[in-house]
């Protein structure tokens, strides 16, 4: 069953051995009316996608593994990963990606209930609905 709540990215960090030497991943969330994607870019490095280990996405509250597998099976090119998150229920998650130098890339994110928009993601309201200024310049 699809869950079309917005995903809010919280924290990107590295953990484990060599955490300070493996670069940070980059992430973005893209929402479409009929699907949504969590987009991940691995840091540029001398490693290819086949050098990476496993990945997993864990629902923090239930500890259920939402998705897991080998990084090389989901990477487009050598750096981009797409996750279809429309099937993820609301809650907080962590994505962990094993790096070849023994550290892990970690992304903490939250899937909100459908219809909820976090305050920092809400569009800014125009100061006034009065069109006087616009009419002066158009």
N, C-alpha and C. Protein backbone atom coordinates (compact mmCIF):
# COMPACT_ATOMS: atom_id res chain seq x y z
N UNK A 1 0.84 -1.18 0.00
CA UNK A 1 0.00 0.00 0.00
C UNK A 1 0.89 1.25 0.00
N UNK A 2 0.65 2.17 -0.92
CA UNK A 2 1.50 3.36 -0.97
C UNK A 2 1.25 4.32 0.19
N UNK A 3 2.33 4.94 0.62
CA UNK A 3 2.31 5.98 1.65
C UNK A 3 3.00 7.18 1.03
N UNK A 4 2.26 8.24 0.74
CA UNK A 4 2.83 9.37 0.01
C UNK A 4 3.19 10.55 0.90
N UNK A 5 3.57 10.29 2.14
CA UNK A 5 4.03 11.36 3.00
C UNK A 5 5.39 11.88 2.55
N UNK A 6 5.65 13.13 2.86
CA UNK A 6 6.92 13.77 2.51
C UNK A 6 8.04 13.21 3.36
N UNK A 7 9.22 13.10 2.77
CA UNK A 7 10.41 12.69 3.51
C UNK A 7 11.23 13.94 3.83
N UNK A 8 11.61 14.02 5.09
CA UNK A 8 12.46 15.11 5.56
C UNK A 8 13.83 14.53 5.90
N UNK A 9 14.87 15.06 5.28
CA UNK A 9 16.23 14.61 5.54
C UNK A 9 16.73 15.29 6.82
N UNK A 10 17.28 14.50 7.74
CA UNK A 10 17.73 15.06 9.01
C UNK A 10 19.24 15.21 9.10
N UNK A 11 19.98 14.12 9.00
CA UNK A 11 21.41 14.20 9.26
C UNK A 11 22.14 13.23 8.34
N UNK A 12 23.25 13.70 7.79
CA UNK A 12 24.15 12.85 7.01
C UNK A 12 25.46 12.81 7.78
N UNK A 13 25.95 11.59 8.02
CA UNK A 13 27.19 11.44 8.78
C UNK A 13 27.86 10.14 8.38
N UNK A 14 29.06 9.94 8.87
CA UNK A 14 29.77 8.68 8.70
C UNK A 14 29.97 8.07 10.07
N UNK A 15 30.06 6.76 10.11
CA UNK A 15 30.25 6.05 11.37
C UNK A 15 31.30 4.96 11.18
N UNK A 16 31.84 4.48 12.29
CA UNK A 16 32.75 3.35 12.26
C UNK A 16 34.18 3.73 11.95
N UNK A 17 34.96 2.70 11.66
CA UNK A 17 36.37 2.85 11.37
C UNK A 17 36.57 3.72 10.12
N UNK A 18 37.51 4.62 10.16
CA UNK A 18 37.84 5.52 9.04
C UNK A 18 36.71 6.46 8.66
N UNK A 19 35.78 6.73 9.57
CA UNK A 19 34.63 7.58 9.27
C UNK A 19 35.03 8.96 8.76
N UNK A 20 36.15 9.47 9.25
CA UNK A 20 36.59 10.81 8.84
C UNK A 20 37.35 10.82 7.52
N UNK A 21 37.52 9.67 6.90
CA UNK A 21 38.32 9.58 5.68
C UNK A 21 37.53 9.15 4.44
N UNK A 22 36.21 8.99 4.56
CA UNK A 22 35.47 8.39 3.43
C UNK A 22 34.54 9.36 2.71
N UNK A 23 34.51 10.61 3.10
CA UNK A 23 33.65 11.58 2.44
C UNK A 23 32.18 11.36 2.77
N UNK A 24 31.39 12.39 2.63
CA UNK A 24 29.96 12.29 2.94
C UNK A 24 29.14 12.08 1.68
N UNK A 25 28.09 11.31 1.82
CA UNK A 25 27.17 11.18 0.70
C UNK A 25 26.30 12.43 0.61
N UNK A 26 25.59 12.58 -0.48
CA UNK A 26 24.66 13.68 -0.70
C UNK A 26 23.29 13.08 -0.94
N UNK A 27 22.24 13.76 -0.48
CA UNK A 27 20.90 13.20 -0.62
C UNK A 27 19.88 14.27 -0.96
N UNK A 28 18.80 13.85 -1.60
CA UNK A 28 17.69 14.73 -1.93
C UNK A 28 16.42 13.88 -1.97
N UNK A 29 15.30 14.52 -1.72
CA UNK A 29 14.00 13.86 -1.81
C UNK A 29 13.21 14.54 -2.90
N UNK A 30 12.64 13.75 -3.81
CA UNK A 30 11.85 14.29 -4.91
C UNK A 30 10.46 13.67 -4.83
N UNK A 31 9.45 14.54 -4.88
CA UNK A 31 8.07 14.10 -4.74
C UNK A 31 7.31 14.39 -6.03
N UNK A 32 6.63 13.38 -6.54
CA UNK A 32 5.75 13.51 -7.69
C UNK A 32 4.36 13.07 -7.24
N UNK A 33 3.30 13.46 -7.94
CA UNK A 33 1.95 13.08 -7.51
C UNK A 33 1.74 11.56 -7.40
N UNK A 34 2.43 10.77 -8.22
CA UNK A 34 2.20 9.33 -8.21
C UNK A 34 3.39 8.50 -7.73
N UNK A 35 4.49 9.15 -7.36
CA UNK A 35 5.64 8.42 -6.82
C UNK A 35 6.56 9.39 -6.09
N UNK A 36 7.54 8.84 -5.41
CA UNK A 36 8.52 9.67 -4.71
C UNK A 36 9.83 8.93 -4.70
N UNK A 37 10.92 9.70 -4.68
CA UNK A 37 12.25 9.11 -4.73
C UNK A 37 13.16 9.73 -3.69
N UNK A 38 13.93 8.87 -3.06
CA UNK A 38 15.05 9.30 -2.24
C UNK A 38 16.27 9.11 -3.12
N UNK A 39 16.95 10.21 -3.42
CA UNK A 39 18.11 10.17 -4.31
C UNK A 39 19.38 10.31 -3.47
N UNK A 40 20.32 9.42 -3.71
CA UNK A 40 21.58 9.40 -2.96
C UNK A 40 22.73 9.44 -3.96
N UNK A 41 23.75 10.24 -3.64
CA UNK A 41 24.99 10.25 -4.42
C UNK A 41 26.13 9.90 -3.48
N UNK A 42 26.84 8.83 -3.82
CA UNK A 42 28.03 8.47 -3.06
C UNK A 42 29.11 9.51 -3.32
N UNK A 43 30.01 9.73 -2.36
CA UNK A 43 31.09 10.69 -2.62
C UNK A 43 32.01 10.17 -3.72
N UNK A 44 32.54 11.08 -4.50
CA UNK A 44 33.49 10.68 -5.53
C UNK A 44 34.74 10.14 -4.86
N UNK A 45 35.23 9.03 -5.36
CA UNK A 45 36.41 8.40 -4.79
C UNK A 45 37.03 7.47 -5.82
N UNK A 46 38.11 6.82 -5.44
CA UNK A 46 38.76 5.87 -6.33
C UNK A 46 38.05 4.52 -6.34
N UNK A 47 37.01 4.37 -5.52
CA UNK A 47 36.32 3.09 -5.41
C UNK A 47 35.18 2.99 -6.42
N UNK A 48 34.99 1.81 -6.95
CA UNK A 48 33.85 1.59 -7.85
C UNK A 48 32.69 1.02 -7.04
N UNK A 49 31.53 0.95 -7.68
CA UNK A 49 30.35 0.45 -6.98
C UNK A 49 30.54 -0.99 -6.49
N UNK A 50 31.36 -1.77 -7.18
CA UNK A 50 31.57 -3.16 -6.76
C UNK A 50 32.45 -3.25 -5.52
N UNK A 51 33.14 -2.16 -5.15
CA UNK A 51 33.97 -2.15 -3.95
C UNK A 51 33.13 -1.98 -2.67
N UNK A 52 31.94 -1.38 -2.82
CA UNK A 52 31.08 -1.13 -1.66
C UNK A 52 30.46 -2.45 -1.20
N UNK A 53 30.04 -2.48 0.05
CA UNK A 53 29.42 -3.66 0.63
C UNK A 53 27.91 -3.60 0.55
N UNK A 54 27.26 -3.82 1.67
CA UNK A 54 25.81 -3.86 1.76
C UNK A 54 25.24 -2.50 2.13
N UNK A 55 23.96 -2.36 1.91
CA UNK A 55 23.21 -1.21 2.39
C UNK A 55 21.98 -1.76 3.09
N UNK A 56 21.43 -0.96 3.97
CA UNK A 56 20.14 -1.29 4.57
C UNK A 56 19.44 -0.03 5.01
N UNK A 57 18.11 -0.07 4.94
CA UNK A 57 17.27 1.01 5.45
C UNK A 57 16.44 0.41 6.55
N UNK A 58 16.58 0.96 7.76
CA UNK A 58 15.93 0.42 8.95
C UNK A 58 14.94 1.44 9.51
N UNK A 59 13.74 0.99 9.82
CA UNK A 59 12.72 1.81 10.49
C UNK A 59 13.12 1.85 11.96
N UNK A 60 13.45 3.04 12.48
CA UNK A 60 14.01 3.15 13.83
C UNK A 60 13.09 2.63 14.93
N UNK A 61 11.79 2.92 14.84
CA UNK A 61 10.88 2.54 15.92
C UNK A 61 10.66 1.02 15.99
N UNK A 62 10.53 0.37 14.85
CA UNK A 62 10.22 -1.07 14.84
C UNK A 62 11.46 -1.93 14.62
N UNK A 63 12.57 -1.31 14.21
CA UNK A 63 13.80 -2.00 13.83
C UNK A 63 13.61 -2.93 12.63
N UNK A 64 12.49 -2.77 11.93
CA UNK A 64 12.24 -3.57 10.72
C UNK A 64 13.15 -3.06 9.60
N UNK A 65 13.73 -4.00 8.87
CA UNK A 65 14.55 -3.64 7.72
C UNK A 65 13.60 -3.40 6.55
N UNK A 66 13.57 -2.17 6.09
CA UNK A 66 12.69 -1.79 4.99
C UNK A 66 13.23 -2.27 3.66
N UNK A 67 14.55 -2.21 3.54
CA UNK A 67 15.20 -2.59 2.29
C UNK A 67 16.66 -2.90 2.60
N UNK A 68 17.24 -3.87 1.86
CA UNK A 68 18.66 -4.18 2.04
C UNK A 68 19.19 -4.90 0.81
N UNK A 69 20.50 -4.90 0.66
CA UNK A 69 21.11 -5.59 -0.47
C UNK A 69 22.52 -5.12 -0.69
N UNK A 70 23.08 -5.49 -1.85
CA UNK A 70 24.41 -5.06 -2.23
C UNK A 70 24.34 -3.71 -2.93
N UNK A 71 25.24 -2.82 -2.56
CA UNK A 71 25.27 -1.49 -3.15
C UNK A 71 25.44 -1.59 -4.67
N UNK A 72 26.31 -2.47 -5.13
CA UNK A 72 26.57 -2.55 -6.57
C UNK A 72 25.32 -2.88 -7.39
N UNK A 73 24.32 -3.49 -6.78
CA UNK A 73 23.09 -3.85 -7.50
C UNK A 73 22.11 -2.69 -7.65
N UNK A 74 22.33 -1.59 -6.93
CA UNK A 74 21.38 -0.48 -6.99
C UNK A 74 21.97 0.83 -7.48
N UNK A 75 23.27 0.87 -7.70
CA UNK A 75 23.93 2.10 -8.12
C UNK A 75 23.81 2.28 -9.63
N UNK A 76 23.43 3.50 -10.04
CA UNK A 76 23.46 3.87 -11.46
C UNK A 76 24.79 4.56 -11.71
N UNK A 77 25.52 4.12 -12.71
CA UNK A 77 26.87 4.64 -12.90
C UNK A 77 27.72 4.16 -11.73
N UNK A 78 28.48 5.06 -11.14
CA UNK A 78 29.27 4.69 -9.96
C UNK A 78 28.86 5.42 -8.70
N UNK A 79 27.88 6.38 -8.80
CA UNK A 79 27.60 7.16 -7.60
C UNK A 79 26.13 7.34 -7.25
N UNK A 80 25.20 7.23 -8.17
CA UNK A 80 23.80 7.58 -7.87
C UNK A 80 22.96 6.35 -7.52
N UNK A 81 22.17 6.53 -6.46
CA UNK A 81 21.25 5.48 -6.01
C UNK A 81 19.86 6.10 -5.89
N UNK A 82 18.85 5.40 -6.38
CA UNK A 82 17.46 5.85 -6.26
C UNK A 82 16.66 4.83 -5.46
N UNK A 83 15.90 5.31 -4.51
CA UNK A 83 14.98 4.47 -3.75
C UNK A 83 13.57 4.96 -3.98
N UNK A 84 12.67 4.07 -4.37
CA UNK A 84 11.24 4.40 -4.44
C UNK A 84 10.71 4.25 -3.02
N UNK A 85 10.36 5.37 -2.39
CA UNK A 85 9.97 5.36 -0.99
C UNK A 85 8.46 5.39 -0.79
N UNK A 86 7.70 5.24 -1.86
CA UNK A 86 6.24 5.32 -1.73
C UNK A 86 5.67 4.18 -0.87
N UNK A 87 6.38 3.09 -0.73
CA UNK A 87 5.90 1.98 0.10
C UNK A 87 6.35 2.04 1.55
N UNK A 88 7.16 3.02 1.89
CA UNK A 88 7.65 3.12 3.27
C UNK A 88 6.56 3.74 4.16
N UNK A 89 6.22 3.10 5.27
CA UNK A 89 5.27 3.72 6.21
C UNK A 89 5.93 4.91 6.92
N UNK A 90 5.10 5.74 7.54
CA UNK A 90 5.65 6.90 8.25
C UNK A 90 6.54 6.45 9.39
N UNK A 91 7.50 7.29 9.72
CA UNK A 91 8.41 6.99 10.82
C UNK A 91 9.81 7.50 10.52
N UNK A 92 10.71 7.27 11.46
CA UNK A 92 12.10 7.67 11.31
C UNK A 92 12.92 6.48 10.84
N UNK A 93 13.89 6.77 9.96
CA UNK A 93 14.70 5.72 9.33
C UNK A 93 16.17 6.09 9.37
N UNK A 94 16.98 5.06 9.17
CA UNK A 94 18.40 5.27 8.91
C UNK A 94 18.79 4.40 7.73
N UNK A 95 19.50 5.02 6.79
CA UNK A 95 20.12 4.31 5.67
C UNK A 95 21.59 4.18 6.00
N UNK A 96 22.11 2.96 5.94
CA UNK A 96 23.53 2.71 6.17
C UNK A 96 24.12 2.05 4.94
N UNK A 97 25.25 2.57 4.49
CA UNK A 97 25.95 2.05 3.32
C UNK A 97 27.38 1.73 3.73
N UNK A 98 27.77 0.47 3.58
CA UNK A 98 29.13 0.05 3.95
C UNK A 98 30.14 0.55 2.93
N UNK A 99 31.16 1.24 3.42
CA UNK A 99 32.21 1.79 2.57
C UNK A 99 33.38 0.80 2.49
N UNK A 100 34.13 0.78 1.39
CA UNK A 100 35.27 -0.15 1.27
C UNK A 100 36.35 0.03 2.33
N UNK A 101 36.46 1.23 2.93
CA UNK A 101 37.48 1.45 3.97
C UNK A 101 36.94 1.13 5.37
N UNK A 102 35.88 0.35 5.45
CA UNK A 102 35.30 -0.15 6.70
C UNK A 102 34.39 0.81 7.45
N UNK A 103 34.24 2.02 7.02
CA UNK A 103 33.28 2.92 7.64
C UNK A 103 31.91 2.74 7.01
N UNK A 104 30.95 3.54 7.47
CA UNK A 104 29.59 3.51 6.92
C UNK A 104 29.13 4.93 6.65
N UNK A 105 28.45 5.11 5.52
CA UNK A 105 27.72 6.34 5.27
C UNK A 105 26.35 6.17 5.91
N UNK A 106 25.87 7.18 6.61
CA UNK A 106 24.57 7.10 7.29
C UNK A 106 23.72 8.31 6.94
N UNK A 107 22.48 8.05 6.61
CA UNK A 107 21.50 9.11 6.37
C UNK A 107 20.32 8.86 7.28
N UNK A 108 20.00 9.85 8.11
CA UNK A 108 18.84 9.79 8.99
C UNK A 108 17.74 10.61 8.33
N UNK A 109 16.56 10.00 8.19
CA UNK A 109 15.45 10.73 7.58
C UNK A 109 14.13 10.31 8.20
N UNK A 110 13.12 11.10 7.95
CA UNK A 110 11.79 10.84 8.51
C UNK A 110 10.75 10.90 7.40
N UNK A 111 9.89 9.90 7.38
CA UNK A 111 8.75 9.88 6.46
C UNK A 111 7.55 10.34 7.27
N UNK A 112 6.93 11.43 6.83
CA UNK A 112 5.79 12.00 7.54
C UNK A 112 4.49 11.38 7.07
N UNK A 113 3.45 11.57 7.86
CA UNK A 113 2.10 11.12 7.48
C UNK A 113 1.68 11.88 6.23
N UNK A 114 0.90 11.22 5.40
CA UNK A 114 0.42 11.84 4.17
C UNK A 114 -0.35 13.12 4.50
N UNK A 115 -0.05 14.19 3.78
CA UNK A 115 -0.71 15.47 3.99
C UNK A 115 0.02 16.40 4.93
N UNK A 116 0.93 15.87 5.76
CA UNK A 116 1.68 16.71 6.69
C UNK A 116 2.88 17.31 5.97
N UNK A 117 3.08 18.62 6.14
CA UNK A 117 4.25 19.29 5.57
C UNK A 117 5.02 19.93 6.71
N UNK A 118 6.28 19.52 6.94
CA UNK A 118 7.07 20.13 8.01
C UNK A 118 7.19 21.63 7.82
N UNK A 119 7.25 22.35 8.91
CA UNK A 119 7.29 23.82 8.89
C UNK A 119 8.39 24.35 7.97
N UNK A 120 9.58 23.77 8.06
CA UNK A 120 10.68 24.30 7.27
C UNK A 120 10.55 23.99 5.77
N UNK A 121 9.62 23.12 5.39
CA UNK A 121 9.41 22.81 3.98
C UNK A 121 8.18 23.51 3.40
N UNK A 122 7.45 24.24 4.23
CA UNK A 122 6.25 24.93 3.74
C UNK A 122 6.66 26.16 2.92
N UNK A 123 5.92 26.42 1.84
CA UNK A 123 6.24 27.61 1.06
C UNK A 123 5.96 28.88 1.86
N UNK A 124 6.75 29.88 1.61
CA UNK A 124 6.58 31.16 2.28
C UNK A 124 5.38 31.88 1.66
N UNK A 125 4.51 32.37 2.52
CA UNK A 125 3.33 33.09 2.04
C UNK A 125 3.74 34.48 1.60
N UNK A 126 3.15 34.98 0.52
CA UNK A 126 3.46 36.35 0.11
C UNK A 126 3.00 37.31 1.20
N UNK A 127 3.65 38.46 1.34
CA UNK A 127 3.32 39.38 2.42
C UNK A 127 1.90 39.91 2.34
N UNK A 128 1.33 39.96 1.14
CA UNK A 128 0.00 40.51 1.01
C UNK A 128 -0.63 39.99 -0.27
N UNK A 129 -1.94 39.90 -0.28
CA UNK A 129 -2.62 39.51 -1.50
C UNK A 129 -2.97 40.76 -2.32
N UNK A 130 -2.57 41.91 -1.81
CA UNK A 130 -2.81 43.17 -2.50
C UNK A 130 -1.90 43.23 -3.73
N UNK A 131 -2.46 43.38 -4.92
CA UNK A 131 -1.70 43.41 -6.16
C UNK A 131 -1.22 44.80 -6.54
N UNK A 132 -1.32 45.76 -5.65
CA UNK A 132 -0.96 47.14 -5.96
C UNK A 132 0.48 47.25 -6.47
N UNK A 133 1.44 46.64 -5.77
CA UNK A 133 2.84 46.75 -6.17
C UNK A 133 3.08 46.07 -7.51
N UNK A 134 2.49 44.91 -7.71
CA UNK A 134 2.67 44.20 -8.96
C UNK A 134 2.10 45.02 -10.11
N UNK A 135 0.93 45.62 -9.90
CA UNK A 135 0.29 46.42 -10.95
C UNK A 135 1.13 47.64 -11.30
N UNK A 136 1.88 48.17 -10.34
CA UNK A 136 2.73 49.34 -10.62
C UNK A 136 3.87 48.99 -11.56
N UNK A 137 4.36 47.75 -11.49
CA UNK A 137 5.54 47.37 -12.25
C UNK A 137 5.23 46.51 -13.46
N UNK A 138 4.00 46.15 -13.70
CA UNK A 138 3.67 45.30 -14.85
C UNK A 138 2.96 46.07 -15.87
